Amino acid sequence: MDFKDQWNLETALKIAQHPTVDSKLWAEAIEWLMIYGPPEIVQLLLHASDVATAESFPELQPTNYTRDGQPCYDIGAIAESLGMDEDDAKKVIAEKEALHNKRHFIDDDDVTKLQ
């Protein structure tokens, strides 16, 4: 069964709001909402992610922004902040791309460079 078909909006929202849900299950629900949820929920989650990243990883700074204004980060810096090898971080992202049938690495042509 595809990841998209494992969830629906109602179930993902219930799990995301549940006070004692298992963290792995919660993360899967949030991941589903970020990929397949309605635009207003995606925007809320992206904002929450920006706040959490700034608070938990203040050393991480965006290197570019997507055309719709989302920050892009250097994969090496992300891996270092998480205490993992850059190649392992790339593998995780490649697995997510395959799971979601969606690109998560952004091409240089699709970003706004910071001055």
C-alpha atoms as a PDB file:
ATOM      1  CA  MET A   1       0.000   0.000   0.000  1.00  0.00           C
ATOM      2  CA  ASP A   2       1.311   3.459  -0.900  1.00  0.00           C
ATOM      3  CA  PHE A   3       2.134   5.877   1.920  1.00  0.00           C
ATOM      4  CA  LYS A   4      -0.549   8.232   0.580  1.00  0.00           C
ATOM      5  CA  ASP A   5      -3.196   5.523   0.925  1.00  0.00           C
ATOM      6  CA  GLN A   6      -2.198   4.576   4.483  1.00  0.00           C
ATOM      7  CA  TRP A   7      -3.748   7.760   5.867  1.00  0.00           C
ATOM      8  CA  ASN A   8      -6.611  10.154   5.367  1.00  0.00           C
ATOM      9  CA  LEU A   9      -7.032  13.705   6.608  1.00  0.00           C
ATOM     10  CA  GLU A  10      -9.308  12.834   9.516  1.00  0.00           C
ATOM     11  CA  THR A  11      -7.041  10.095  10.874  1.00  0.00           C
ATOM     12  CA  ALA A  12      -3.840  12.118  10.452  1.00  0.00           C
ATOM     13  CA  LEU A  13      -5.376  15.095  12.274  1.00  0.00           C
ATOM     14  CA  LYS A  14      -6.655  12.923  15.129  1.00  0.00           C
ATOM     15  CA  ILE A  15      -3.223  11.380  15.615  1.00  0.00           C
ATOM     16  CA  ALA A  16      -1.460  14.760  15.373  1.00  0.00           C
ATOM     17  CA  GLN A  17      -3.703  16.121  18.131  1.00  0.00           C
ATOM     18  CA  HIS A  18      -3.632  13.085  20.415  1.00  0.00           C
ATOM     19  CA  PRO A  19      -1.818  13.885  23.688  1.00  0.00           C
ATOM     20  CA  THR A  20      -0.220  10.454  24.252  1.00  0.00           C
ATOM     21  CA  VAL A  21       0.344   9.019  20.788  1.00  0.00           C
ATOM     22  CA  ASP A  22       3.584   7.176  20.000  1.00  0.00           C
ATOM     23  CA  SER A  23       6.172   9.592  18.573  1.00  0.00           C
ATOM     24  CA  LYS A  24       6.829   7.458  15.469  1.00  0.00           C
ATOM     25  CA  LEU A  25       3.126   7.318  14.636  1.00  0.00           C
ATOM     26  CA  TRP A  26       2.802  11.072  15.280  1.00  0.00           C
ATOM     27  CA  ALA A  27       5.746  11.779  12.941  1.00  0.00           C
ATOM     28  CA  GLU A  28       4.172   9.655  10.195  1.00  0.00           C
ATOM     29  CA  ALA A  29       0.883  11.549  10.526  1.00  0.00           C
ATOM     30  CA  ILE A  30       2.680  14.904  10.328  1.00  0.00           C
ATOM     31  CA  GLU A  31       4.696  13.698   7.345  1.00  0.00           C
ATOM     32  CA  TRP A  32       1.468  12.664   5.585  1.00  0.00           C
ATOM     33  CA  LEU A  33      -0.128  16.029   6.358  1.00  0.00           C
ATOM     34  CA  MET A  34       2.899  17.920   5.026  1.00  0.00           C
ATOM     35  CA  ILE A  35       2.854  15.963   1.773  1.00  0.00           C
ATOM     36  CA  TYR A  36      -0.861  15.375   1.174  1.00  0.00           C
ATOM     37  CA  GLY A  37      -2.702  17.711   3.537  1.00  0.00           C
ATOM     38  CA  PRO A  38      -4.676  20.760   2.478  1.00  0.00           C
ATOM     39  CA  PRO A  39      -2.614  23.893   1.740  1.00  0.00           C
ATOM     40  CA  GLU A  40      -3.643  25.725   4.921  1.00  0.00           C
ATOM     41  CA  ILE A  41      -2.467  22.832   7.119  1.00  0.00           C
ATOM     42  CA  VAL A  42       0.747  22.469   5.118  1.00  0.00           C
ATOM     43  CA  GLN A  43       1.459  26.188   5.662  1.00  0.00           C
ATOM     44  CA  LEU A  44       0.849  25.866   9.420  1.00  0.00           C
ATOM     45  CA  LEU A  45       3.181  22.875   9.636  1.00  0.00           C
ATOM     46  CA  LEU A  46       5.870  24.587   7.551  1.00  0.00           C
ATOM     47  CA  HIS A  47       5.716  27.607   9.843  1.00  0.00           C
ATOM     48  CA  ALA A  48       5.942  25.359  12.913  1.00  0.00           C
ATOM     49  CA  SER A  49       8.911  23.593  11.310  1.00  0.00           C
ATOM     50  CA  ASP A  50      10.652  26.929  10.694  1.00  0.00           C
ATOM     51  CA  VAL A  51      10.137  27.948  14.333  1.00  0.00           C
ATOM     52  CA  ALA A  52      11.305  24.575  15.658  1.00  0.00           C
ATOM     53  CA  THR A  53      14.374  24.585  13.410  1.00  0.00           C
ATOM     54  CA  ALA A  54      15.362  28.096  14.486  1.00  0.00           C
ATOM     55  CA  GLU A  55      14.892  27.226  18.155  1.00  0.00           C
ATOM     56  CA  SER A  56      16.452  23.755  18.171  1.00  0.00           C
ATOM     57  CA  PHE A  57      19.175  24.293  15.570  1.00  0.00           C
ATOM     58  CA  PRO A  58      20.105  27.996  15.657  1.00  0.00           C
ATOM     59  CA  GLU A  59      23.322  27.246  13.778  1.00  0.00           C
ATOM     60  CA  LEU A  60      21.323  26.190  10.703  1.00  0.00           C
ATOM     61  CA  GLN A  61      20.754  29.055   8.330  1.00  0.00           C
ATOM     62  CA  PRO A  62      18.987  28.867   4.972  1.00  0.00           C
ATOM     63  CA  THR A  63      21.298  28.948   1.981  1.00  0.00           C
ATOM     64  CA  ASN A  64      18.517  29.706  -0.508  1.00  0.00           C
ATOM     65  CA  TYR A  65      14.730  29.934  -0.753  1.00  0.00           C
ATOM     66  CA  THR A  66      12.309  28.161  -3.061  1.00  0.00           C
ATOM     67  CA  ARG A  67      10.230  30.226  -5.441  1.00  0.00           C
ATOM     68  CA  ASP A  68       7.343  30.026  -2.972  1.00  0.00           C
ATOM     69  CA  GLY A  69       9.520  31.298  -0.121  1.00  0.00           C
ATOM     70  CA  GLN A  70      10.430  28.082   1.711  1.00  0.00           C
ATOM     71  CA  PRO A  71      13.959  27.970   3.144  1.00  0.00           C
ATOM     72  CA  CYS A  72      16.530  25.554   1.720  1.00  0.00           C
ATOM     73  CA  TYR A  73      19.393  24.229   3.828  1.00  0.00           C
ATOM     74  CA  ASP A  74      22.744  22.664   3.034  1.00  0.00           C
ATOM     75  CA  ILE A  75      22.482  18.897   3.520  1.00  0.00           C
ATOM     76  CA  GLY A  76      25.956  18.799   5.063  1.00  0.00           C
ATOM     77  CA  ALA A  77      24.963  21.365   7.678  1.00  0.00           C
ATOM     78  CA  ILE A  78      21.759  19.468   8.450  1.00  0.00           C
ATOM     79  CA  ALA A  79      23.665  16.197   8.854  1.00  0.00           C
ATOM     80  CA  GLU A  80      26.232  17.845  11.130  1.00  0.00           C
ATOM     81  CA  SER A  81      23.501  19.382  13.301  1.00  0.00           C
ATOM     82  CA  LEU A  82      21.849  15.983  13.647  1.00  0.00           C
ATOM     83  CA  GLY A  83      25.157  14.247  14.383  1.00  0.00           C
ATOM     84  CA  MET A  84      24.994  12.025  11.342  1.00  0.00           C
ATOM     85  CA  ASP A  85      27.034  11.372   8.232  1.00  0.00           C
ATOM     86  CA  GLU A  86      26.112  13.443   5.168  1.00  0.00           C
ATOM     87  CA  ASP A  87      25.801  10.319   3.014  1.00  0.00           C
ATOM     88  CA  ASP A  88      23.369   8.809   5.544  1.00  0.00           C
ATOM     89  CA  ALA A  89      21.314  12.027   5.479  1.00  0.00           C
ATOM     90  CA  LYS A  90      21.209  11.879   1.681  1.00  0.00           C
ATOM     91  CA  LYS A  91      20.028   8.255   1.878  1.00  0.00           C
ATOM     92  CA  VAL A  92      17.182   9.227   4.234  1.00  0.00           C
ATOM     93  CA  ILE A  93      16.064  11.946   1.841  1.00  0.00           C
ATOM     94  CA  ALA A  94      16.326   9.592  -1.150  1.00  0.00           C
ATOM     95  CA  GLU A  95      14.142   7.073   0.709  1.00  0.00           C
ATOM     96  CA  LYS A  96      11.567   9.807   1.411  1.00  0.00           C
ATOM     97  CA  GLU A  97      11.622  10.855  -2.252  1.00  0.00           C
ATOM     98  CA  ALA A  98      10.927   7.263  -3.299  1.00  0.00           C
ATOM     99  CA  LEU A  99       8.227   6.822  -0.635  1.00  0.00           C
ATOM    100  CA  HIS A 100       6.414  10.026  -1.576  1.00  0.00           C
ATOM    101  CA  ASN A 101       7.200   9.995  -5.283  1.00  0.00           C
ATOM    102  CA  LYS A 102       8.232  13.610  -4.790  1.00  0.00           C
ATOM    103  CA  ARG A 103      11.522  15.473  -5.018  1.00  0.00           C
ATOM    104  CA  HIS A 104      12.846  16.905  -1.773  1.00  0.00           C
ATOM    105  CA  PHE A 105      16.235  18.017  -3.070  1.00  0.00           C
ATOM    106  CA  ILE A 106      15.829  21.347  -4.832  1.00  0.00           C
ATOM    107  CA  ASP A 107      17.792  22.162  -8.011  1.00  0.00           C
ATOM    108  CA  ASP A 108      19.784  25.380  -8.053  1.00  0.00           C
ATOM    109  CA  ASP A 109      17.596  26.602 -10.938  1.00  0.00           C
ATOM    110  CA  ASP A 110      14.539  26.435  -8.679  1.00  0.00           C
ATOM    111  CA  VAL A 111      15.797  28.607  -5.808  1.00  0.00           C
ATOM    112  CA  THR A 112      16.408  32.253  -5.090  1.00  0.00           C
ATOM    113  CA  LYS A 113      20.023  32.753  -4.128  1.00  0.00           C
ATOM    114  CA  LEU A 114      20.850  34.711  -0.996  1.00  0.00           C
ATOM    115  CA  GLN A 115      23.103  37.687  -1.549  1.00  0.00           C
END
